[in-house]
Amino acid sequence: MMVGTKPASAQCAQCAANVASNVKNGDTTANGLNKGIMFLLAAPYLAVAIVGFVWYKKYRRKNVNLEMRNEKLHLN
């Protein structure tokens, strides 16, 4: 997923117009703005992944001992 990424311009119309005018003047804030938006997009997924990993490590079963009787089970 990380190898096949393309730059994304996920900005509102006002932000895009402001950044476009700044880029024409030679400013490089557009790259930082796009990276900040992508960071804010990825943060919730990262938080859910960390919580899921901690939950998995905490609640997984370790060395479960199943003691089953040797008697036959009669259902009638």
N, C-alpha and C. Protein backbone atom coordinates (compact mmCIF):
# COMPACT_ATOMS: atom_id res chain seq x y z
N MET A 1 0.82 -1.17 0.00
CA MET A 1 0.00 0.00 0.00
C MET A 1 0.88 1.25 0.00
N MET A 2 1.95 1.23 0.76
CA MET A 2 2.80 2.42 0.85
C MET A 2 3.63 2.61 -0.42
N VAL A 3 3.90 1.53 -1.14
CA VAL A 3 4.73 1.64 -2.34
C VAL A 3 3.96 2.29 -3.48
N GLY A 4 2.69 1.97 -3.61
CA GLY A 4 1.91 2.46 -4.74
C GLY A 4 1.10 3.71 -4.42
N THR A 5 1.66 4.63 -3.66
CA THR A 5 0.90 5.84 -3.31
C THR A 5 1.16 6.93 -4.33
N LYS A 6 0.16 7.78 -4.51
CA LYS A 6 0.27 8.95 -5.37
C LYS A 6 -0.02 10.18 -4.53
N PRO A 7 0.54 11.31 -4.87
CA PRO A 7 0.22 12.53 -4.13
C PRO A 7 -1.27 12.85 -4.24
N ALA A 8 -1.86 13.26 -3.15
CA ALA A 8 -3.28 13.59 -3.14
C ALA A 8 -3.45 15.05 -2.77
N SER A 9 -4.44 15.67 -3.39
CA SER A 9 -4.74 17.06 -3.04
C SER A 9 -6.11 17.08 -2.38
N ALA A 10 -6.13 16.76 -1.12
CA ALA A 10 -7.38 16.69 -0.36
C ALA A 10 -7.55 17.99 0.42
N GLN A 11 -8.02 19.01 -0.27
CA GLN A 11 -8.16 20.32 0.36
C GLN A 11 -9.51 20.92 -0.01
N CYS A 12 -9.99 21.80 0.85
CA CYS A 12 -11.22 22.52 0.51
C CYS A 12 -10.91 23.53 -0.60
N ALA A 13 -11.94 24.07 -1.19
CA ALA A 13 -11.76 24.98 -2.33
C ALA A 13 -10.98 26.24 -1.93
N GLN A 14 -11.27 26.77 -0.76
CA GLN A 14 -10.58 27.99 -0.32
C GLN A 14 -9.11 27.71 -0.06
N CYS A 15 -8.83 26.59 0.61
CA CYS A 15 -7.43 26.24 0.88
C CYS A 15 -6.68 25.97 -0.42
N ALA A 16 -7.33 25.28 -1.35
CA ALA A 16 -6.69 24.97 -2.62
C ALA A 16 -6.37 26.24 -3.40
N ALA A 17 -7.28 27.20 -3.41
CA ALA A 17 -7.04 28.46 -4.12
C ALA A 17 -5.90 29.25 -3.47
N ASN A 18 -5.86 29.25 -2.15
CA ASN A 18 -4.80 29.96 -1.43
C ASN A 18 -3.45 29.31 -1.69
N VAL A 19 -3.40 28.01 -1.64
CA VAL A 19 -2.14 27.30 -1.86
C VAL A 19 -1.71 27.45 -3.31
N ALA A 20 -2.66 27.40 -4.24
CA ALA A 20 -2.31 27.55 -5.66
C ALA A 20 -1.69 28.92 -5.93
N SER A 21 -2.25 29.96 -5.32
CA SER A 21 -1.67 31.29 -5.52
C SER A 21 -0.29 31.40 -4.87
N ASN A 22 -0.10 30.72 -3.73
CA ASN A 22 1.21 30.75 -3.09
C ASN A 22 2.25 29.96 -3.89
N VAL A 23 1.83 28.87 -4.52
CA VAL A 23 2.76 28.08 -5.31
C VAL A 23 3.22 28.87 -6.53
N LYS A 24 2.32 29.63 -7.12
CA LYS A 24 2.69 30.47 -8.26
C LYS A 24 3.74 31.51 -7.87
N ASN A 25 3.70 31.94 -6.62
CA ASN A 25 4.67 32.92 -6.13
C ASN A 25 5.96 32.27 -5.63
N GLY A 26 6.05 30.94 -5.70
CA GLY A 26 7.27 30.25 -5.32
C GLY A 26 7.28 29.69 -3.92
N ASP A 27 6.17 29.71 -3.23
CA ASP A 27 6.10 29.18 -1.87
C ASP A 27 5.93 27.65 -1.91
N THR A 28 6.49 26.96 -0.94
CA THR A 28 6.42 25.49 -0.92
C THR A 28 5.57 24.96 0.23
N THR A 29 4.60 25.73 0.67
CA THR A 29 3.76 25.28 1.78
C THR A 29 2.75 24.22 1.35
N ALA A 30 2.53 24.06 0.06
CA ALA A 30 1.55 23.07 -0.42
C ALA A 30 1.96 21.66 -0.02
N ASN A 31 3.25 21.36 -0.09
CA ASN A 31 3.70 20.02 0.29
C ASN A 31 3.46 19.76 1.77
N GLY A 32 3.74 20.72 2.59
CA GLY A 32 3.51 20.57 4.03
C GLY A 32 2.03 20.47 4.36
N LEU A 33 1.20 21.21 3.67
CA LEU A 33 -0.23 21.16 3.89
C LEU A 33 -0.80 19.80 3.50
N ASN A 34 -0.38 19.27 2.36
CA ASN A 34 -0.85 17.95 1.94
C ASN A 34 -0.38 16.86 2.90
N LYS A 35 0.85 16.96 3.36
CA LYS A 35 1.36 15.96 4.31
C LYS A 35 0.61 16.03 5.63
N GLY A 36 0.27 17.24 6.07
CA GLY A 36 -0.50 17.39 7.31
C GLY A 36 -1.89 16.80 7.19
N ILE A 37 -2.52 16.99 6.04
CA ILE A 37 -3.85 16.42 5.81
C ILE A 37 -3.78 14.90 5.80
N MET A 38 -2.78 14.34 5.16
CA MET A 38 -2.63 12.88 5.13
C MET A 38 -2.33 12.34 6.52
N PHE A 39 -1.57 13.07 7.33
CA PHE A 39 -1.31 12.64 8.70
C PHE A 39 -2.59 12.62 9.51
N LEU A 40 -3.41 13.66 9.37
CA LEU A 40 -4.68 13.70 10.09
C LEU A 40 -5.63 12.60 9.61
N LEU A 41 -5.53 12.21 8.36
CA LEU A 41 -6.35 11.12 7.83
C LEU A 41 -5.89 9.77 8.39
N ALA A 42 -4.59 9.58 8.57
CA ALA A 42 -4.06 8.29 9.01
C ALA A 42 -4.12 8.11 10.53
N ALA A 43 -4.21 9.18 11.29
CA ALA A 43 -4.15 9.10 12.75
C ALA A 43 -5.25 8.22 13.35
N PRO A 44 -6.52 8.32 12.95
CA PRO A 44 -7.54 7.45 13.55
C PRO A 44 -7.31 5.97 13.25
N TYR A 45 -6.85 5.66 12.04
CA TYR A 45 -6.58 4.26 11.70
C TYR A 45 -5.43 3.72 12.55
N LEU A 46 -4.43 4.52 12.77
CA LEU A 46 -3.30 4.10 13.60
C LEU A 46 -3.75 3.89 15.04
N ALA A 47 -4.60 4.76 15.55
CA ALA A 47 -5.09 4.62 16.93
C ALA A 47 -5.91 3.35 17.07
N VAL A 48 -6.77 3.05 16.11
CA VAL A 48 -7.57 1.82 16.16
C VAL A 48 -6.68 0.60 16.08
N ALA A 49 -5.65 0.64 15.26
CA ALA A 49 -4.73 -0.49 15.15
C ALA A 49 -3.99 -0.73 16.46
N ILE A 50 -3.58 0.32 17.13
CA ILE A 50 -2.86 0.17 18.40
C ILE A 50 -3.79 -0.39 19.48
N VAL A 51 -5.02 0.12 19.56
CA VAL A 51 -5.98 -0.40 20.53
C VAL A 51 -6.29 -1.87 20.24
N GLY A 52 -6.45 -2.23 18.98
CA GLY A 52 -6.71 -3.62 18.62
C GLY A 52 -5.56 -4.53 18.98
N PHE A 53 -4.33 -4.07 18.77
CA PHE A 53 -3.16 -4.87 19.11
C PHE A 53 -3.06 -5.08 20.62
N VAL A 54 -3.28 -4.02 21.38
CA VAL A 54 -3.23 -4.13 22.85
C VAL A 54 -4.33 -5.07 23.35
N TRP A 55 -5.53 -4.93 22.78
CA TRP A 55 -6.64 -5.81 23.17
C TRP A 55 -6.31 -7.26 22.86
N TYR A 56 -5.73 -7.52 21.69
CA TYR A 56 -5.36 -8.88 21.30
C TYR A 56 -4.33 -9.45 22.26
N LYS A 57 -3.32 -8.67 22.58
CA LYS A 57 -2.27 -9.16 23.48
C LYS A 57 -2.80 -9.40 24.89
N LYS A 58 -3.74 -8.57 25.33
CA LYS A 58 -4.24 -8.69 26.70
C LYS A 58 -5.23 -9.83 26.86
N TYR A 59 -6.09 -10.06 25.91
CA TYR A 59 -7.19 -11.01 26.08
C TYR A 59 -7.03 -12.33 25.33
N ARG A 60 -5.92 -12.56 24.68
CA ARG A 60 -5.77 -13.85 24.00
C ARG A 60 -5.54 -14.94 25.04
N ARG A 61 -5.95 -16.13 24.73
CA ARG A 61 -5.84 -17.23 25.67
C ARG A 61 -4.45 -17.86 25.59
N LYS A 62 -3.91 -18.15 26.73
CA LYS A 62 -2.60 -18.79 26.80
C LYS A 62 -2.71 -20.07 27.60
N ASN A 63 -2.18 -21.14 27.08
CA ASN A 63 -2.12 -22.43 27.77
C ASN A 63 -3.48 -22.85 28.33
N VAL A 64 -4.45 -22.94 27.46
CA VAL A 64 -5.78 -23.34 27.90
C VAL A 64 -5.78 -24.84 28.12
N ASN A 65 -6.21 -25.26 29.30
CA ASN A 65 -6.26 -26.68 29.64
C ASN A 65 -7.71 -27.13 29.64
N LEU A 66 -8.07 -27.97 28.69
CA LEU A 66 -9.42 -28.48 28.59
C LEU A 66 -9.47 -29.84 29.27
N GLU A 67 -10.12 -29.90 30.39
CA GLU A 67 -10.25 -31.17 31.11
C GLU A 67 -11.60 -31.78 30.75
N MET A 68 -11.57 -32.80 29.90
CA MET A 68 -12.80 -33.45 29.46
C MET A 68 -12.91 -34.82 30.13
N ARG A 69 -14.13 -35.17 30.50
CA ARG A 69 -14.36 -36.46 31.13
C ARG A 69 -14.27 -37.57 30.10
N ASN A 70 -13.90 -38.74 30.54
CA ASN A 70 -13.80 -39.88 29.65
C ASN A 70 -15.13 -40.60 29.48
N GLU A 71 -16.17 -40.17 30.18
CA GLU A 71 -17.48 -40.81 30.11
C GLU A 71 -18.17 -40.45 28.81
N LYS A 72 -19.03 -41.39 28.35
CA LYS A 72 -19.82 -41.10 27.18
C LYS A 72 -20.97 -40.18 27.55
N LEU A 73 -21.32 -39.33 26.64
CA LEU A 73 -22.39 -38.37 26.86
C LEU A 73 -23.70 -38.97 26.36
N HIS A 74 -24.72 -39.10 27.23
CA HIS A 74 -26.01 -39.65 26.86
C HIS A 74 -27.01 -38.51 26.72
N LEU A 75 -27.52 -38.34 25.53
CA LEU A 75 -28.45 -37.24 25.27
C LEU A 75 -29.90 -37.66 25.39
N ASN A 76 -30.19 -38.93 25.61
CA ASN A 76 -31.58 -39.41 25.72
C ASN A 76 -32.05 -39.40 27.14
